[in-house]
Amino acid sequence: MKMQIRRERFMERLVRVFSQAGYAPACILTISPLELAEIENITVPGIRAVLLLQHRVFDDPGGVDAAMHYLYRVRKEGVSDEQIENLKWKLHCGRATRADLNRLTRRLGDEIGRVYGWKFPMRAQRQAVGMER
């Protein structure tokens, strides 16, 4: 019990250090070792913990219960380079939302499906319901 409380306090401190440096907590998984070493107030045990967590997530498929999810999207007309760079930063730090993606990009799968003659019944069903409203 005491060990778990110490671990929780350690993780809270690590998240606080990341937040003070301007990083989202999700960046713990994606930050490079060089960037990690530049964070002010991070300790050697903190660096080790981040690197161990990254190893468990990315190198050991059984280490963390996680799943990969891929979205194939295309930039919408009229979206500026600056907006795309902001979206990339949000994706990198884990702050991007579905609304961010929908605002700046469109689905690529629909176009690919049309070329091959694929049908997307759930998508057509949702569009039909939207037209009725």
N, C-alpha and C. Protein backbone atom coordinates (compact mmCIF):
# COMPACT_ATOMS: atom_id res chain seq x y z
N MET A 1 0.82 -1.19 0.00
CA MET A 1 0.00 0.00 0.00
C MET A 1 0.87 1.25 0.00
N LYS A 2 1.87 1.26 0.87
CA LYS A 2 2.76 2.41 0.97
C LYS A 2 3.53 2.62 -0.32
N MET A 3 3.94 1.51 -0.97
CA MET A 3 4.68 1.58 -2.23
C MET A 3 3.80 2.18 -3.34
N GLN A 4 2.52 1.80 -3.35
CA GLN A 4 1.61 2.32 -4.36
C GLN A 4 1.41 3.83 -4.19
N ILE A 5 1.30 4.30 -2.97
CA ILE A 5 1.15 5.73 -2.71
C ILE A 5 2.40 6.47 -3.17
N ARG A 6 3.58 5.92 -2.90
CA ARG A 6 4.82 6.56 -3.35
C ARG A 6 4.88 6.60 -4.87
N ARG A 7 4.45 5.50 -5.53
CA ARG A 7 4.45 5.45 -6.99
C ARG A 7 3.49 6.50 -7.57
N GLU A 8 2.29 6.63 -6.96
CA GLU A 8 1.32 7.62 -7.42
C GLU A 8 1.86 9.03 -7.26
N ARG A 9 2.49 9.32 -6.13
CA ARG A 9 3.08 10.64 -5.91
C ARG A 9 4.19 10.92 -6.92
N PHE A 10 4.99 9.90 -7.21
CA PHE A 10 6.06 10.03 -8.19
C PHE A 10 5.49 10.38 -9.56
N MET A 11 4.43 9.66 -9.98
CA MET A 11 3.81 9.91 -11.28
C MET A 11 3.15 11.29 -11.31
N GLU A 12 2.52 11.69 -10.21
CA GLU A 12 1.92 13.03 -10.15
C GLU A 12 3.00 14.10 -10.31
N ARG A 13 4.14 13.90 -9.66
CA ARG A 13 5.24 14.87 -9.77
C ARG A 13 5.77 14.89 -11.21
N LEU A 14 5.89 13.72 -11.82
CA LEU A 14 6.39 13.64 -13.19
C LEU A 14 5.45 14.37 -14.16
N VAL A 15 4.15 14.17 -13.99
CA VAL A 15 3.17 14.87 -14.83
C VAL A 15 3.24 16.37 -14.59
N ARG A 16 3.41 16.77 -13.33
CA ARG A 16 3.53 18.20 -13.00
C ARG A 16 4.76 18.81 -13.66
N VAL A 17 5.89 18.10 -13.63
CA VAL A 17 7.12 18.59 -14.27
C VAL A 17 6.90 18.76 -15.77
N PHE A 18 6.24 17.79 -16.39
CA PHE A 18 5.94 17.89 -17.83
C PHE A 18 5.04 19.08 -18.11
N SER A 19 4.00 19.26 -17.27
CA SER A 19 3.07 20.38 -17.47
C SER A 19 3.78 21.72 -17.33
N GLN A 20 4.64 21.84 -16.34
CA GLN A 20 5.38 23.08 -16.14
C GLN A 20 6.30 23.38 -17.31
N ALA A 21 6.76 22.35 -17.99
CA ALA A 21 7.64 22.53 -19.15
C ALA A 21 6.83 22.76 -20.43
N GLY A 22 5.49 22.73 -20.33
CA GLY A 22 4.65 23.00 -21.49
C GLY A 22 4.25 21.78 -22.29
N TYR A 23 4.43 20.59 -21.73
CA TYR A 23 4.06 19.36 -22.42
C TYR A 23 2.78 18.79 -21.83
N ALA A 24 1.99 18.16 -22.68
CA ALA A 24 0.81 17.43 -22.20
C ALA A 24 1.29 16.11 -21.61
N PRO A 25 0.54 15.55 -20.66
CA PRO A 25 0.94 14.26 -20.09
C PRO A 25 1.12 13.16 -21.14
N ALA A 26 0.34 13.22 -22.22
CA ALA A 26 0.47 12.20 -23.27
C ALA A 26 1.83 12.25 -23.96
N CYS A 27 2.51 13.39 -23.87
CA CYS A 27 3.83 13.52 -24.49
C CYS A 27 4.88 12.65 -23.80
N ILE A 28 4.55 12.15 -22.62
CA ILE A 28 5.47 11.25 -21.92
C ILE A 28 5.80 10.05 -22.81
N LEU A 29 4.83 9.63 -23.61
CA LEU A 29 5.04 8.47 -24.47
C LEU A 29 5.82 8.78 -25.74
N THR A 30 5.83 10.05 -26.16
CA THR A 30 6.42 10.37 -27.46
C THR A 30 7.66 11.25 -27.39
N ILE A 31 7.98 11.77 -26.25
CA ILE A 31 9.11 12.69 -26.15
C ILE A 31 10.43 11.96 -26.39
N SER A 32 11.34 12.62 -27.09
CA SER A 32 12.63 12.00 -27.38
C SER A 32 13.55 12.12 -26.16
N PRO A 33 14.55 11.27 -26.04
CA PRO A 33 15.48 11.37 -24.92
C PRO A 33 16.20 12.72 -24.86
N LEU A 34 16.49 13.31 -26.02
CA LEU A 34 17.15 14.62 -26.02
C LEU A 34 16.25 15.70 -25.45
N GLU A 35 14.98 15.69 -25.85
CA GLU A 35 14.03 16.66 -25.29
C GLU A 35 13.83 16.40 -23.80
N LEU A 36 13.78 15.15 -23.44
CA LEU A 36 13.58 14.76 -22.05
C LEU A 36 14.68 15.31 -21.15
N ALA A 37 15.90 15.23 -21.62
CA ALA A 37 17.03 15.71 -20.83
C ALA A 37 17.02 17.23 -20.67
N GLU A 38 16.34 17.93 -21.57
CA GLU A 38 16.28 19.39 -21.51
C GLU A 38 15.19 19.92 -20.57
N ILE A 39 14.30 19.06 -20.10
CA ILE A 39 13.21 19.52 -19.23
C ILE A 39 13.77 19.93 -17.88
N GLU A 40 13.39 21.12 -17.48
CA GLU A 40 13.85 21.65 -16.20
C GLU A 40 13.18 20.89 -15.05
N ASN A 41 13.90 20.63 -13.99
CA ASN A 41 13.42 19.96 -12.78
C ASN A 41 13.16 18.47 -12.94
N ILE A 42 13.51 17.87 -14.06
CA ILE A 42 13.32 16.42 -14.16
C ILE A 42 14.52 15.73 -13.53
N THR A 43 14.26 14.67 -12.82
CA THR A 43 15.32 13.95 -12.12
C THR A 43 15.73 12.71 -12.92
N VAL A 44 16.85 12.13 -12.55
CA VAL A 44 17.31 10.91 -13.21
C VAL A 44 16.28 9.79 -13.05
N PRO A 45 15.70 9.59 -11.86
CA PRO A 45 14.65 8.57 -11.77
C PRO A 45 13.45 8.89 -12.67
N GLY A 46 13.14 10.16 -12.85
CA GLY A 46 12.05 10.56 -13.75
C GLY A 46 12.36 10.20 -15.19
N ILE A 47 13.58 10.45 -15.61
CA ILE A 47 14.00 10.11 -16.97
C ILE A 47 13.93 8.60 -17.16
N ARG A 48 14.44 7.86 -16.18
CA ARG A 48 14.39 6.39 -16.27
C ARG A 48 12.95 5.89 -16.37
N ALA A 49 12.06 6.47 -15.57
CA ALA A 49 10.66 6.04 -15.57
C ALA A 49 10.01 6.29 -16.93
N VAL A 50 10.28 7.45 -17.53
CA VAL A 50 9.71 7.77 -18.84
C VAL A 50 10.24 6.80 -19.89
N LEU A 51 11.54 6.57 -19.89
CA LEU A 51 12.13 5.66 -20.87
C LEU A 51 11.61 4.23 -20.70
N LEU A 52 11.44 3.79 -19.45
CA LEU A 52 10.89 2.46 -19.19
C LEU A 52 9.45 2.36 -19.69
N LEU A 53 8.66 3.39 -19.42
CA LEU A 53 7.27 3.40 -19.88
C LEU A 53 7.20 3.36 -21.40
N GLN A 54 8.04 4.16 -22.07
CA GLN A 54 8.07 4.14 -23.54
C GLN A 54 8.45 2.75 -24.05
N HIS A 55 9.41 2.12 -23.39
CA HIS A 55 9.83 0.77 -23.80
C HIS A 55 8.67 -0.22 -23.66
N ARG A 56 7.96 -0.15 -22.54
CA ARG A 56 6.85 -1.07 -22.31
C ARG A 56 5.74 -0.88 -23.34
N VAL A 57 5.49 0.36 -23.74
CA VAL A 57 4.41 0.63 -24.68
C VAL A 57 4.79 0.25 -26.10
N PHE A 58 6.00 0.64 -26.53
CA PHE A 58 6.35 0.50 -27.94
C PHE A 58 7.15 -0.76 -28.28
N ASP A 59 7.96 -1.25 -27.37
CA ASP A 59 8.82 -2.38 -27.67
C ASP A 59 8.26 -3.72 -27.20
N ASP A 60 7.41 -3.70 -26.20
CA ASP A 60 6.86 -4.92 -25.65
C ASP A 60 5.35 -4.92 -25.85
N PRO A 61 4.85 -5.59 -26.88
CA PRO A 61 3.42 -5.54 -27.17
C PRO A 61 2.54 -6.01 -26.02
N GLY A 62 3.05 -6.84 -25.16
CA GLY A 62 2.26 -7.30 -24.02
C GLY A 62 2.44 -6.45 -22.78
N GLY A 63 3.31 -5.44 -22.84
CA GLY A 63 3.62 -4.64 -21.66
C GLY A 63 2.50 -3.73 -21.22
N VAL A 64 1.74 -3.20 -22.14
CA VAL A 64 0.64 -2.30 -21.81
C VAL A 64 -0.54 -2.69 -22.69
N ASP A 65 -1.72 -2.66 -22.14
CA ASP A 65 -2.91 -2.99 -22.91
C ASP A 65 -3.27 -1.78 -23.77
N ALA A 66 -2.81 -1.75 -25.00
CA ALA A 66 -3.05 -0.63 -25.90
C ALA A 66 -3.33 -1.15 -27.30
N ALA A 67 -3.99 -0.34 -28.08
CA ALA A 67 -4.30 -0.72 -29.46
C ALA A 67 -3.95 0.44 -30.38
N MET A 68 -3.53 0.12 -31.59
CA MET A 68 -3.23 1.15 -32.58
C MET A 68 -4.48 1.38 -33.41
N HIS A 69 -4.72 2.62 -33.76
CA HIS A 69 -5.88 2.98 -34.55
C HIS A 69 -5.41 3.93 -35.64
N TYR A 70 -5.60 3.55 -36.89
CA TYR A 70 -5.14 4.37 -38.00
C TYR A 70 -6.32 5.05 -38.67
N LEU A 71 -6.15 6.33 -38.98
CA LEU A 71 -7.12 7.08 -39.76
C LEU A 71 -6.41 7.58 -41.01
N TYR A 72 -7.00 7.33 -42.16
CA TYR A 72 -6.42 7.84 -43.40
C TYR A 72 -7.23 9.05 -43.82
N ARG A 73 -6.59 10.21 -43.78
CA ARG A 73 -7.27 11.48 -44.01
C ARG A 73 -6.52 12.29 -45.07
N VAL A 74 -7.23 13.24 -45.68
CA VAL A 74 -6.67 14.14 -46.68
C VAL A 74 -6.99 15.56 -46.26
N ARG A 75 -6.06 16.45 -46.47
CA ARG A 75 -6.25 17.85 -46.14
C ARG A 75 -7.40 18.44 -46.96
N LYS A 76 -8.28 19.19 -46.29
CA LYS A 76 -9.39 19.85 -46.99
C LYS A 76 -8.87 21.06 -47.76
N GLU A 77 -9.63 21.46 -48.76
CA GLU A 77 -9.28 22.66 -49.53
C GLU A 77 -9.33 23.88 -48.62
N GLY A 78 -8.39 24.79 -48.80
CA GLY A 78 -8.39 26.03 -48.06
C GLY A 78 -7.76 25.98 -46.67
N VAL A 79 -7.23 24.84 -46.28
CA VAL A 79 -6.58 24.71 -44.96
C VAL A 79 -5.13 25.18 -45.10
N SER A 80 -4.72 26.09 -44.23
CA SER A 80 -3.38 26.67 -44.32
C SER A 80 -2.31 25.73 -43.75
N ASP A 81 -1.07 25.99 -44.14
CA ASP A 81 0.05 25.20 -43.61
C ASP A 81 0.15 25.36 -42.09
N GLU A 82 -0.14 26.56 -41.59
CA GLU A 82 -0.07 26.81 -40.16
C GLU A 82 -1.10 25.95 -39.40
N GLN A 83 -2.30 25.83 -39.96
CA GLN A 83 -3.32 25.00 -39.33
C GLN A 83 -2.88 23.53 -39.30
N ILE A 84 -2.25 23.07 -40.38
CA ILE A 84 -1.77 21.69 -40.42
C ILE A 84 -0.65 21.49 -39.41
N GLU A 85 0.26 22.45 -39.28
CA GLU A 85 1.34 22.34 -38.29
C GLU A 85 0.77 22.29 -36.87
N ASN A 86 -0.25 23.11 -36.60
CA ASN A 86 -0.89 23.07 -35.28
C ASN A 86 -1.54 21.71 -35.02
N LEU A 87 -2.17 21.14 -36.06
CA LEU A 87 -2.77 19.82 -35.93
C LEU A 87 -1.70 18.77 -35.66
N LYS A 88 -0.58 18.85 -36.37
CA LYS A 88 0.51 17.89 -36.14
C LYS A 88 1.00 17.97 -34.70
N TRP A 89 1.13 19.19 -34.18
CA TRP A 89 1.59 19.36 -32.79
C TRP A 89 0.59 18.74 -31.83
N LYS A 90 -0.70 18.99 -32.07
CA LYS A 90 -1.73 18.41 -31.20
C LYS A 90 -1.69 16.89 -31.26
N LEU A 91 -1.51 16.33 -32.46
CA LEU A 91 -1.42 14.87 -32.58
C LEU A 91 -0.19 14.35 -31.85
N HIS A 92 0.92 15.04 -31.98
CA HIS A 92 2.17 14.62 -31.33
C HIS A 92 2.01 14.59 -29.82
N CYS A 93 1.31 15.57 -29.28
CA CYS A 93 1.18 15.67 -27.82
C CYS A 93 -0.08 15.00 -27.29
N GLY A 94 -0.87 14.40 -28.18
CA GLY A 94 -2.07 13.71 -27.72
C GLY A 94 -3.22 14.62 -27.38
N ARG A 95 -3.23 15.84 -27.88
CA ARG A 95 -4.30 16.79 -27.59
C ARG A 95 -5.34 16.89 -28.70
N ALA A 96 -5.10 16.28 -29.84
CA ALA A 96 -6.01 16.39 -30.97
C ALA A 96 -7.32 15.67 -30.67
N THR A 97 -8.40 16.26 -31.13
CA THR A 97 -9.72 15.65 -30.97
C THR A 97 -10.26 15.27 -32.34
N ARG A 98 -11.32 14.49 -32.34
CA ARG A 98 -11.98 14.12 -33.59
C ARG A 98 -12.46 15.39 -34.31
N ALA A 99 -12.93 16.39 -33.55
CA ALA A 99 -13.40 17.65 -34.14
C ALA A 99 -12.25 18.36 -34.88
N ASP A 100 -11.04 18.33 -34.30
CA ASP A 100 -9.87 18.93 -34.97
C ASP A 100 -9.62 18.26 -36.31
N LEU A 101 -9.67 16.93 -36.33
CA LEU A 101 -9.44 16.19 -37.56
C LEU A 101 -10.52 16.48 -38.59
N ASN A 102 -11.78 16.48 -38.16
CA ASN A 102 -12.88 16.72 -39.10
C ASN A 102 -12.87 18.14 -39.66
N ARG A 103 -12.41 19.10 -38.87
CA ARG A 103 -12.37 20.49 -39.31
C ARG A 103 -11.33 20.70 -40.42
N LEU A 104 -10.21 19.99 -40.35
CA LEU A 104 -9.09 20.25 -41.26
C LEU A 104 -8.88 19.19 -42.33
N THR A 105 -9.47 18.00 -42.14
CA THR A 105 -9.23 16.91 -43.09
C THR A 105 -10.54 16.23 -43.46
N ARG A 106 -10.49 15.41 -44.52
CA ARG A 106 -11.64 14.61 -44.91
C ARG A 106 -11.19 13.16 -45.04
N ARG A 107 -12.15 12.26 -44.99
CA ARG A 107 -11.87 10.82 -45.04
C ARG A 107 -11.31 10.44 -46.41
N LEU A 108 -10.26 9.68 -46.43
CA LEU A 108 -9.68 9.18 -47.68
C LEU A 108 -10.32 7.85 -48.08
N GLY A 109 -10.78 7.10 -47.11
CA GLY A 109 -11.36 5.79 -47.39
C GLY A 109 -12.56 5.84 -48.32
N ASP A 110 -13.37 6.91 -48.23
CA ASP A 110 -14.53 7.02 -49.10
C ASP A 110 -14.11 7.10 -50.57
N GLU A 111 -13.09 7.88 -50.86
CA GLU A 111 -12.60 8.01 -52.23
C GLU A 111 -11.98 6.70 -52.73
N ILE A 112 -11.22 6.06 -51.89
CA ILE A 112 -10.61 4.77 -52.25
C ILE A 112 -11.71 3.75 -52.51
N GLY A 113 -12.72 3.74 -51.66
CA GLY A 113 -13.84 2.82 -51.81
C GLY A 113 -14.59 3.01 -53.12
N ARG A 114 -14.78 4.28 -53.52
CA ARG A 114 -15.47 4.55 -54.77
C ARG A 114 -14.70 3.99 -55.95
N VAL A 115 -13.37 4.12 -55.93
CA VAL A 115 -12.54 3.60 -57.02
C VAL A 115 -12.70 2.09 -57.16
N TYR A 116 -12.73 1.39 -56.01
CA TYR A 116 -12.83 -0.06 -56.03
C TYR A 116 -14.26 -0.58 -55.98
N GLY A 117 -15.23 0.32 -55.90
CA GLY A 117 -16.63 -0.09 -55.86
C GLY A 117 -17.09 -0.62 -54.52
N TRP A 118 -16.37 -0.26 -53.44
CA TRP A 118 -16.75 -0.72 -52.11
C TRP A 118 -17.96 0.05 -51.62
N LYS A 119 -18.74 -0.58 -50.78
CA LYS A 119 -19.90 0.05 -50.16
C LYS A 119 -19.61 0.21 -48.67
N PHE A 120 -20.02 1.33 -48.13
CA PHE A 120 -19.89 1.60 -46.70
C PHE A 120 -21.30 1.78 -46.13
N PRO A 121 -21.97 0.68 -45.76
CA PRO A 121 -23.37 0.77 -45.36
C PRO A 121 -23.60 1.65 -44.14
N MET A 122 -22.76 1.59 -43.15
CA MET A 122 -22.96 2.41 -41.95
C MET A 122 -22.83 3.89 -42.28
N ARG A 123 -21.90 4.23 -43.14
CA ARG A 123 -21.70 5.63 -43.54
C ARG A 123 -22.93 6.13 -44.31
N ALA A 124 -23.43 5.34 -45.25
CA ALA A 124 -24.61 5.73 -46.03
C ALA A 124 -25.83 5.85 -45.12
N GLN A 125 -25.93 4.96 -44.16
CA GLN A 125 -27.05 4.98 -43.23
C GLN A 125 -27.02 6.27 -42.39
N ARG A 126 -25.84 6.66 -41.91
CA ARG A 126 -25.70 7.89 -41.12
C ARG A 126 -26.03 9.11 -41.96
N GLN A 127 -25.59 9.13 -43.23
CA GLN A 127 -25.88 10.27 -44.09
C GLN A 127 -27.37 10.37 -44.36
N ALA A 128 -28.06 9.25 -44.54
CA ALA A 128 -29.49 9.24 -44.79
C ALA A 128 -30.24 9.79 -43.58
N VAL A 129 -29.82 9.40 -42.40
CA VAL A 129 -30.46 9.90 -41.17
C VAL A 129 -30.22 11.39 -41.04
N GLY A 130 -29.03 11.86 -41.39
CA GLY A 130 -28.72 13.28 -41.33
C GLY A 130 -29.56 14.09 -42.30
N MET A 131 -29.88 13.53 -43.48
CA MET A 131 -30.67 14.23 -44.47
C MET A 131 -32.13 14.35 -44.03
N GLU A 132 -32.62 13.37 -43.25
CA GLU A 132 -34.00 13.38 -42.80
C GLU A 132 -34.25 14.48 -41.78
N ARG A 133 -33.24 14.84 -41.04
CA ARG A 133 -33.41 15.85 -39.96
C ARG A 133 -33.68 17.19 -40.49
